Amino acid sequence: MSQTSEFHIRHASSADDDAQFIVAAFDSTLPYLGSIGAGEMWGETPFSEKDGFEQETIESVQKSEHQDDCLKIFIAEVEGPVTTAASVYAGRNERRTRVGLAMIRENSLPTYIAEREEMKPEVDGAKRFIFLEVMISDYRTWPLHKGAGAALIEAIKRYGRENEKDTLYVDCWAGNDAKLNRSGFSTNRVPGPESRVLDPGPER
């Protein structure tokens, strides 16, 4: 789809077993979140052991492949040494290591935001927008994943411009004194649609 520095950003694909990678990448975040005091965000149970998560991920990738679906999944890859078998993507003429992913929705907000009374003014005013629901790095690929987040954000903003979006909303967890929020997108923006952080609070 696009390329930012050494990162290659593409849409997720069922043919490339991206669902398997996504589940494993989610699992890889848990030790890191625990190490920075944010383990409460997703808990300790691996996503691969949660009932229905793998099937939901497969279905999400399938939805992402449909042009008319609001859900889109982007995969970040780098050319380089293979660190884990689950992260390898066999391209047409090369091998790349998958290092991160992002899930977005076009002109659609999840119910945990849309139903919050304090979010109502923002929700009612939202028109042509992209909602970044989740973005994670595959921590098994350290240090190859460093910079993947910035590359994914740039690709998403480019996608927004190409599809005439005005705003990029970002979901940030408010727990652990909002450290993930402060170190994230509200202070590190790139040219493109306006960036706004939707922070529904620690109940999320």
C-alpha atoms as a PDB file:
ATOM      1  CA  MET A   1       0.000   0.000   0.000  1.00  0.00           C
ATOM      2  CA  SER A   2       2.589   2.560   1.087  1.00  0.00           C
ATOM      3  CA  GLN A   3       6.093   2.883   2.478  1.00  0.00           C
ATOM      4  CA  THR A   4       7.438   5.140   5.229  1.00  0.00           C
ATOM      5  CA  SER A   5      11.214   5.093   5.727  1.00  0.00           C
ATOM      6  CA  GLU A   6      12.177   1.434   6.128  1.00  0.00           C
ATOM      7  CA  PHE A   7       8.627   0.428   7.078  1.00  0.00           C
ATOM      8  CA  HIS A   8       6.186  -1.054   4.593  1.00  0.00           C
ATOM      9  CA  ILE A   9       2.514  -0.526   5.453  1.00  0.00           C
ATOM     10  CA  ARG A  10      -0.134  -2.692   3.818  1.00  0.00           C
ATOM     11  CA  HIS A  11      -3.716  -3.809   4.395  1.00  0.00           C
ATOM     12  CA  ALA A  12      -4.239  -7.022   6.341  1.00  0.00           C
ATOM     13  CA  SER A  13      -4.908 -10.134   4.296  1.00  0.00           C
ATOM     14  CA  SER A  14      -6.422 -13.527   5.044  1.00  0.00           C
ATOM     15  CA  ALA A  15      -4.064 -15.058   2.492  1.00  0.00           C
ATOM     16  CA  ASP A  16      -1.030 -13.970   4.521  1.00  0.00           C
ATOM     17  CA  ASP A  17      -2.214 -15.482   7.825  1.00  0.00           C
ATOM     18  CA  ASP A  18      -2.341 -12.013   9.344  1.00  0.00           C
ATOM     19  CA  ALA A  19      -4.950 -13.081  11.909  1.00  0.00           C
ATOM     20  CA  GLN A  20      -2.399 -15.442  13.470  1.00  0.00           C
ATOM     21  CA  PHE A  21       0.146 -12.626  13.605  1.00  0.00           C
ATOM     22  CA  ILE A  22      -2.347 -10.208  15.159  1.00  0.00           C
ATOM     23  CA  VAL A  23      -3.252 -12.602  17.976  1.00  0.00           C
ATOM     24  CA  ALA A  24       0.426 -13.289  18.713  1.00  0.00           C
ATOM     25  CA  ALA A  25       1.247  -9.577  18.619  1.00  0.00           C
ATOM     26  CA  PHE A  26      -1.506  -8.851  21.144  1.00  0.00           C
ATOM     27  CA  ASP A  27      -0.038 -11.536  23.421  1.00  0.00           C
ATOM     28  CA  SER A  28       3.414  -9.960  23.094  1.00  0.00           C
ATOM     29  CA  THR A  29       2.204  -6.657  24.587  1.00  0.00           C
ATOM     30  CA  LEU A  30       1.209  -8.107  27.964  1.00  0.00           C
ATOM     31  CA  PRO A  31       4.695  -8.464  29.524  1.00  0.00           C
ATOM     32  CA  TYR A  32       5.600  -4.958  28.354  1.00  0.00           C
ATOM     33  CA  LEU A  33       2.415  -3.391  29.719  1.00  0.00           C
ATOM     34  CA  GLY A  34       3.026  -5.140  33.023  1.00  0.00           C
ATOM     35  CA  SER A  35       6.578  -3.815  33.158  1.00  0.00           C
ATOM     36  CA  ILE A  36       5.417  -0.180  32.898  1.00  0.00           C
ATOM     37  CA  GLY A  37       2.579  -0.518  35.383  1.00  0.00           C
ATOM     38  CA  ALA A  38      -0.162  -0.701  32.766  1.00  0.00           C
ATOM     39  CA  GLY A  39      -0.949  -4.399  33.063  1.00  0.00           C
ATOM     40  CA  GLU A  40      -4.473  -3.570  34.212  1.00  0.00           C
ATOM     41  CA  MET A  41      -5.333  -2.343  30.723  1.00  0.00           C
ATOM     42  CA  TRP A  42      -5.668  -5.813  29.192  1.00  0.00           C
ATOM     43  CA  GLY A  43      -5.004  -8.074  32.180  1.00  0.00           C
ATOM     44  CA  GLU A  44      -2.686 -11.069  32.358  1.00  0.00           C
ATOM     45  CA  THR A  45      -4.594 -13.668  30.330  1.00  0.00           C
ATOM     46  CA  PRO A  46      -3.054 -14.083  26.861  1.00  0.00           C
ATOM     47  CA  PHE A  47      -5.429 -13.082  24.071  1.00  0.00           C
ATOM     48  CA  SER A  48      -4.735 -16.434  22.427  1.00  0.00           C
ATOM     49  CA  GLU A  49      -6.393 -18.111  25.422  1.00  0.00           C
ATOM     50  CA  LYS A  50      -9.515 -15.921  25.460  1.00  0.00           C
ATOM     51  CA  ASP A  51     -12.660 -17.577  24.174  1.00  0.00           C
ATOM     52  CA  GLY A  52     -13.581 -16.328  20.732  1.00  0.00           C
ATOM     53  CA  PHE A  53     -10.712 -13.877  20.296  1.00  0.00           C
ATOM     54  CA  GLU A  54      -8.973 -15.807  17.535  1.00  0.00           C
ATOM     55  CA  GLN A  55     -12.194 -16.249  15.558  1.00  0.00           C
ATOM     56  CA  GLU A  56     -13.103 -12.587  16.034  1.00  0.00           C
ATOM     57  CA  THR A  57      -9.684 -11.647  14.708  1.00  0.00           C
ATOM     58  CA  ILE A  58     -10.106 -13.852  11.647  1.00  0.00           C
ATOM     59  CA  GLU A  59     -13.482 -12.238  10.964  1.00  0.00           C
ATOM     60  CA  SER A  60     -12.024  -8.753  11.463  1.00  0.00           C
ATOM     61  CA  VAL A  61      -9.331  -9.420   8.861  1.00  0.00           C
ATOM     62  CA  GLN A  62     -12.001 -10.674   6.464  1.00  0.00           C
ATOM     63  CA  LYS A  63     -14.081  -7.542   7.027  1.00  0.00           C
ATOM     64  CA  SER A  64     -11.017  -5.375   6.486  1.00  0.00           C
ATOM     65  CA  GLU A  65     -10.586  -6.880   3.033  1.00  0.00           C
ATOM     66  CA  HIS A  66     -14.007  -5.599   1.936  1.00  0.00           C
ATOM     67  CA  GLN A  67     -13.795  -2.113   0.501  1.00  0.00           C
ATOM     68  CA  ASP A  68     -17.239  -1.087   1.771  1.00  0.00           C
ATOM     69  CA  ASP A  69     -16.635  -2.143   5.400  1.00  0.00           C
ATOM     70  CA  CYS A  70     -15.819   0.566   7.954  1.00  0.00           C
ATOM     71  CA  LEU A  71     -13.138  -1.602   9.625  1.00  0.00           C
ATOM     72  CA  LYS A  72      -9.623  -1.511   8.195  1.00  0.00           C
ATOM     73  CA  ILE A  73      -6.470  -3.193   9.511  1.00  0.00           C
ATOM     74  CA  PHE A  74      -2.982  -2.019   8.584  1.00  0.00           C
ATOM     75  CA  ILE A  75       0.135  -4.171   8.975  1.00  0.00           C
ATOM     76  CA  ALA A  76       3.632  -2.696   9.411  1.00  0.00           C
ATOM     77  CA  GLU A  77       6.587  -4.674   8.082  1.00  0.00           C
ATOM     78  CA  VAL A  78      10.326  -4.243   7.750  1.00  0.00           C
ATOM     79  CA  GLU A  79      12.884  -5.908   5.568  1.00  0.00           C
ATOM     80  CA  GLY A  80      15.431  -7.544   7.799  1.00  0.00           C
ATOM     81  CA  PRO A  81      16.393 -10.567   9.844  1.00  0.00           C
ATOM     82  CA  VAL A  82      13.619 -12.929  10.803  1.00  0.00           C
ATOM     83  CA  THR A  83      13.193 -12.937  14.577  1.00  0.00           C
ATOM     84  CA  THR A  84      10.076 -15.078  15.043  1.00  0.00           C
ATOM     85  CA  ALA A  85       8.441 -17.496  12.659  1.00  0.00           C
ATOM     86  CA  ALA A  86       4.981 -16.078  13.390  1.00  0.00           C
ATOM     87  CA  SER A  87       6.076 -12.629  12.209  1.00  0.00           C
ATOM     88  CA  VAL A  88       7.367 -13.668   8.801  1.00  0.00           C
ATOM     89  CA  TYR A  89       5.399 -12.627   5.759  1.00  0.00           C
ATOM     90  CA  ALA A  90       6.387 -14.274   2.500  1.00  0.00           C
ATOM     91  CA  GLY A  91       6.094 -11.535  -0.097  1.00  0.00           C
ATOM     92  CA  ARG A  92       6.149 -12.053  -3.816  1.00  0.00           C
ATOM     93  CA  ASN A  93       9.899 -11.555  -4.154  1.00  0.00           C
ATOM     94  CA  GLU A  94      11.104 -10.986  -0.620  1.00  0.00           C
ATOM     95  CA  ARG A  95      10.635 -11.811   3.029  1.00  0.00           C
ATOM     96  CA  ARG A  96       9.563  -9.182   5.515  1.00  0.00           C
ATOM     97  CA  THR A  97       9.044  -9.247   9.256  1.00  0.00           C
ATOM     98  CA  ARG A  98       5.707  -8.013  10.567  1.00  0.00           C
ATOM     99  CA  VAL A  99       6.327  -5.660  13.470  1.00  0.00           C
ATOM    100  CA  GLY A 100       3.047  -3.896  14.235  1.00  0.00           C
ATOM    101  CA  LEU A 101      -0.569  -3.290  13.334  1.00  0.00           C
ATOM    102  CA  ALA A 102      -3.349  -0.749  13.601  1.00  0.00           C
ATOM    103  CA  MET A 103      -7.126  -1.126  13.454  1.00  0.00           C
ATOM    104  CA  ILE A 104      -9.277   1.793  12.346  1.00  0.00           C
ATOM    105  CA  ARG A 105     -12.942   2.526  11.707  1.00  0.00           C
ATOM    106  CA  GLU A 106     -14.216   5.003   9.139  1.00  0.00           C
ATOM    107  CA  ASN A 107     -17.039   7.290  10.302  1.00  0.00           C
ATOM    108  CA  SER A 108     -17.862   4.840  13.092  1.00  0.00           C
ATOM    109  CA  LEU A 109     -17.276   4.921  16.852  1.00  0.00           C
ATOM    110  CA  PRO A 110     -17.503   1.890  19.179  1.00  0.00           C
ATOM    111  CA  THR A 111     -20.408   1.729  21.599  1.00  0.00           C
ATOM    112  CA  TYR A 112     -18.175   2.181  24.678  1.00  0.00           C
ATOM    113  CA  ILE A 113     -17.557   5.723  23.432  1.00  0.00           C
ATOM    114  CA  ALA A 114     -20.840   6.519  21.669  1.00  0.00           C
ATOM    115  CA  GLU A 115     -22.911   5.593  24.736  1.00  0.00           C
ATOM    116  CA  ARG A 116     -20.928   7.677  27.246  1.00  0.00           C
ATOM    117  CA  GLU A 117     -22.918  10.775  28.158  1.00  0.00           C
ATOM    118  CA  GLU A 118     -19.815  12.946  28.598  1.00  0.00           C
ATOM    119  CA  MET A 119     -18.707  12.036  25.069  1.00  0.00           C
ATOM    120  CA  LYS A 120     -22.024  13.006  23.484  1.00  0.00           C
ATOM    121  CA  PRO A 121     -20.989  16.516  22.275  1.00  0.00           C
ATOM    122  CA  GLU A 122     -17.941  15.072  20.516  1.00  0.00           C
ATOM    123  CA  VAL A 123     -19.876  12.132  19.080  1.00  0.00           C
ATOM    124  CA  ASP A 124     -22.696  14.315  17.782  1.00  0.00           C
ATOM    125  CA  GLY A 125     -20.221  16.603  16.037  1.00  0.00           C
ATOM    126  CA  ALA A 126     -18.214  13.826  14.417  1.00  0.00           C
ATOM    127  CA  LYS A 127     -18.711  13.677  10.649  1.00  0.00           C
ATOM    128  CA  ARG A 128     -15.972  12.604   8.233  1.00  0.00           C
ATOM    129  CA  PHE A 129     -13.417  10.932  10.451  1.00  0.00           C
ATOM    130  CA  ILE A 130     -11.188   7.963  11.144  1.00  0.00           C
ATOM    131  CA  PHE A 131     -11.172   6.340  14.569  1.00  0.00           C
ATOM    132  CA  LEU A 132      -7.917   4.614  15.525  1.00  0.00           C
ATOM    133  CA  GLU A 133      -9.191   1.877  17.820  1.00  0.00           C
ATOM    134  CA  VAL A 134      -5.972   0.053  18.571  1.00  0.00           C
ATOM    135  CA  MET A 135      -2.325   0.159  17.538  1.00  0.00           C
ATOM    136  CA  ILE A 136       0.287  -2.243  18.862  1.00  0.00           C
ATOM    137  CA  SER A 137       3.838  -3.345  18.237  1.00  0.00           C
ATOM    138  CA  ASP A 138       4.964  -6.955  18.185  1.00  0.00           C
ATOM    139  CA  TYR A 139       7.386  -6.941  21.110  1.00  0.00           C
ATOM    140  CA  ARG A 140       8.878 -10.241  19.987  1.00  0.00           C
ATOM    141  CA  THR A 141      10.556  -8.315  17.162  1.00  0.00           C
ATOM    142  CA  TRP A 142      12.448  -5.770  19.282  1.00  0.00           C
ATOM    143  CA  PRO A 143      14.253  -3.641  18.181  1.00  0.00           C
ATOM    144  CA  LEU A 144      12.837  -3.939  14.653  1.00  0.00           C
ATOM    145  CA  HIS A 145       9.445  -2.592  15.751  1.00  0.00           C
ATOM    146  CA  LYS A 146      10.852   0.744  16.961  1.00  0.00           C
ATOM    147  CA  GLY A 147       9.275   3.495  14.852  1.00  0.00           C
ATOM    148  CA  ALA A 148       6.442   1.304  13.581  1.00  0.00           C
ATOM    149  CA  GLY A 149       3.839   3.377  15.421  1.00  0.00           C
ATOM    150  CA  ALA A 150       4.895   6.600  13.729  1.00  0.00           C
ATOM    151  CA  ALA A 151       4.906   4.854  10.345  1.00  0.00           C
ATOM    152  CA  LEU A 152       1.408   3.479  10.924  1.00  0.00           C
ATOM    153  CA  ILE A 153       0.089   6.886  11.993  1.00  0.00           C
ATOM    154  CA  GLU A 154       1.546   8.500   8.872  1.00  0.00           C
ATOM    155  CA  ALA A 155      -0.015   5.823   6.654  1.00  0.00           C
ATOM    156  CA  ILE A 156      -3.406   6.209   8.363  1.00  0.00           C
ATOM    157  CA  LYS A 157      -3.350   9.973   7.970  1.00  0.00           C
ATOM    158  CA  ARG A 158      -2.449   9.562   4.320  1.00  0.00           C
ATOM    159  CA  TYR A 159      -5.337   7.150   3.952  1.00  0.00           C
ATOM    160  CA  GLY A 160      -7.590   9.739   5.605  1.00  0.00           C
ATOM    161  CA  ARG A 161      -6.534  12.474   3.199  1.00  0.00           C
ATOM    162  CA  GLU A 162      -7.094  10.170   0.230  1.00  0.00           C
ATOM    163  CA  ASN A 163     -10.605   9.426   1.509  1.00  0.00           C
ATOM    164  CA  GLU A 164     -11.504  13.040   2.383  1.00  0.00           C
ATOM    165  CA  LYS A 165     -11.544  12.627   6.161  1.00  0.00           C
ATOM    166  CA  ASP A 166     -11.286  15.683   8.390  1.00  0.00           C
ATOM    167  CA  THR A 167     -10.334  14.198  11.754  1.00  0.00           C
ATOM    168  CA  LEU A 168      -8.350  11.323  13.207  1.00  0.00           C
ATOM    169  CA  TYR A 169      -9.646  10.253  16.617  1.00  0.00           C
ATOM    170  CA  VAL A 170      -7.306   8.229  18.825  1.00  0.00           C
ATOM    171  CA  ASP A 171      -8.329   5.973  21.700  1.00  0.00           C
ATOM    172  CA  CYS A 172      -5.964   6.123  24.677  1.00  0.00           C
ATOM    173  CA  TRP A 173      -6.242   4.219  27.945  1.00  0.00           C
ATOM    174  CA  ALA A 174      -6.553   6.579  30.919  1.00  0.00           C
ATOM    175  CA  GLY A 175      -5.224   4.197  33.567  1.00  0.00           C
ATOM    176  CA  ASN A 176      -1.718   4.241  35.092  1.00  0.00           C
ATOM    177  CA  ASP A 177      -1.902   8.049  35.361  1.00  0.00           C
ATOM    178  CA  ALA A 178      -2.551   8.283  31.600  1.00  0.00           C
ATOM    179  CA  LYS A 179       1.111   7.571  30.820  1.00  0.00           C
ATOM    180  CA  LEU A 180       0.209   5.895  27.531  1.00  0.00           C
ATOM    181  CA  ASN A 181      -1.806   8.980  26.606  1.00  0.00           C
ATOM    182  CA  ARG A 182       0.964  11.430  27.446  1.00  0.00           C
ATOM    183  CA  SER A 183       3.567   9.465  25.506  1.00  0.00           C
ATOM    184  CA  GLY A 184       1.302   8.945  22.501  1.00  0.00           C
ATOM    185  CA  PHE A 185      -0.471  10.785  19.746  1.00  0.00           C
ATOM    186  CA  SER A 186      -1.745  13.885  21.490  1.00  0.00           C
ATOM    187  CA  THR A 187       1.780  15.322  21.496  1.00  0.00           C
ATOM    188  CA  ASN A 188       3.269  13.646  18.428  1.00  0.00           C
ATOM    189  CA  ARG A 189       1.284  14.617  15.344  1.00  0.00           C
ATOM    190  CA  VAL A 190       2.137  14.537  11.684  1.00  0.00           C
ATOM    191  CA  PRO A 191       0.613  16.692   8.902  1.00  0.00           C
ATOM    192  CA  GLY A 192      -2.804  15.542   7.797  1.00  0.00           C
ATOM    193  CA  PRO A 193      -6.304  15.381   9.276  1.00  0.00           C
ATOM    194  CA  GLU A 194      -6.719  16.975  12.689  1.00  0.00           C
ATOM    195  CA  SER A 195      -5.762  14.580  15.516  1.00  0.00           C
ATOM    196  CA  ARG A 196      -7.927  14.380  18.618  1.00  0.00           C
ATOM    197  CA  VAL A 197      -7.700  12.037  21.588  1.00  0.00           C
ATOM    198  CA  LEU A 198     -10.892  10.390  22.795  1.00  0.00           C
ATOM    199  CA  ASP A 199     -10.292   9.330  26.385  1.00  0.00           C
ATOM    200  CA  PRO A 200     -13.349   7.621  27.878  1.00  0.00           C
ATOM    201  CA  GLY A 201     -11.565   7.004  31.165  1.00  0.00           C
ATOM    202  CA  PRO A 202     -10.152   4.056  33.119  1.00  0.00           C
ATOM    203  CA  GLU A 203     -13.410   2.103  32.928  1.00  0.00           C
ATOM    204  CA  ARG A 204     -12.485   1.235  29.325  1.00  0.00           C
END
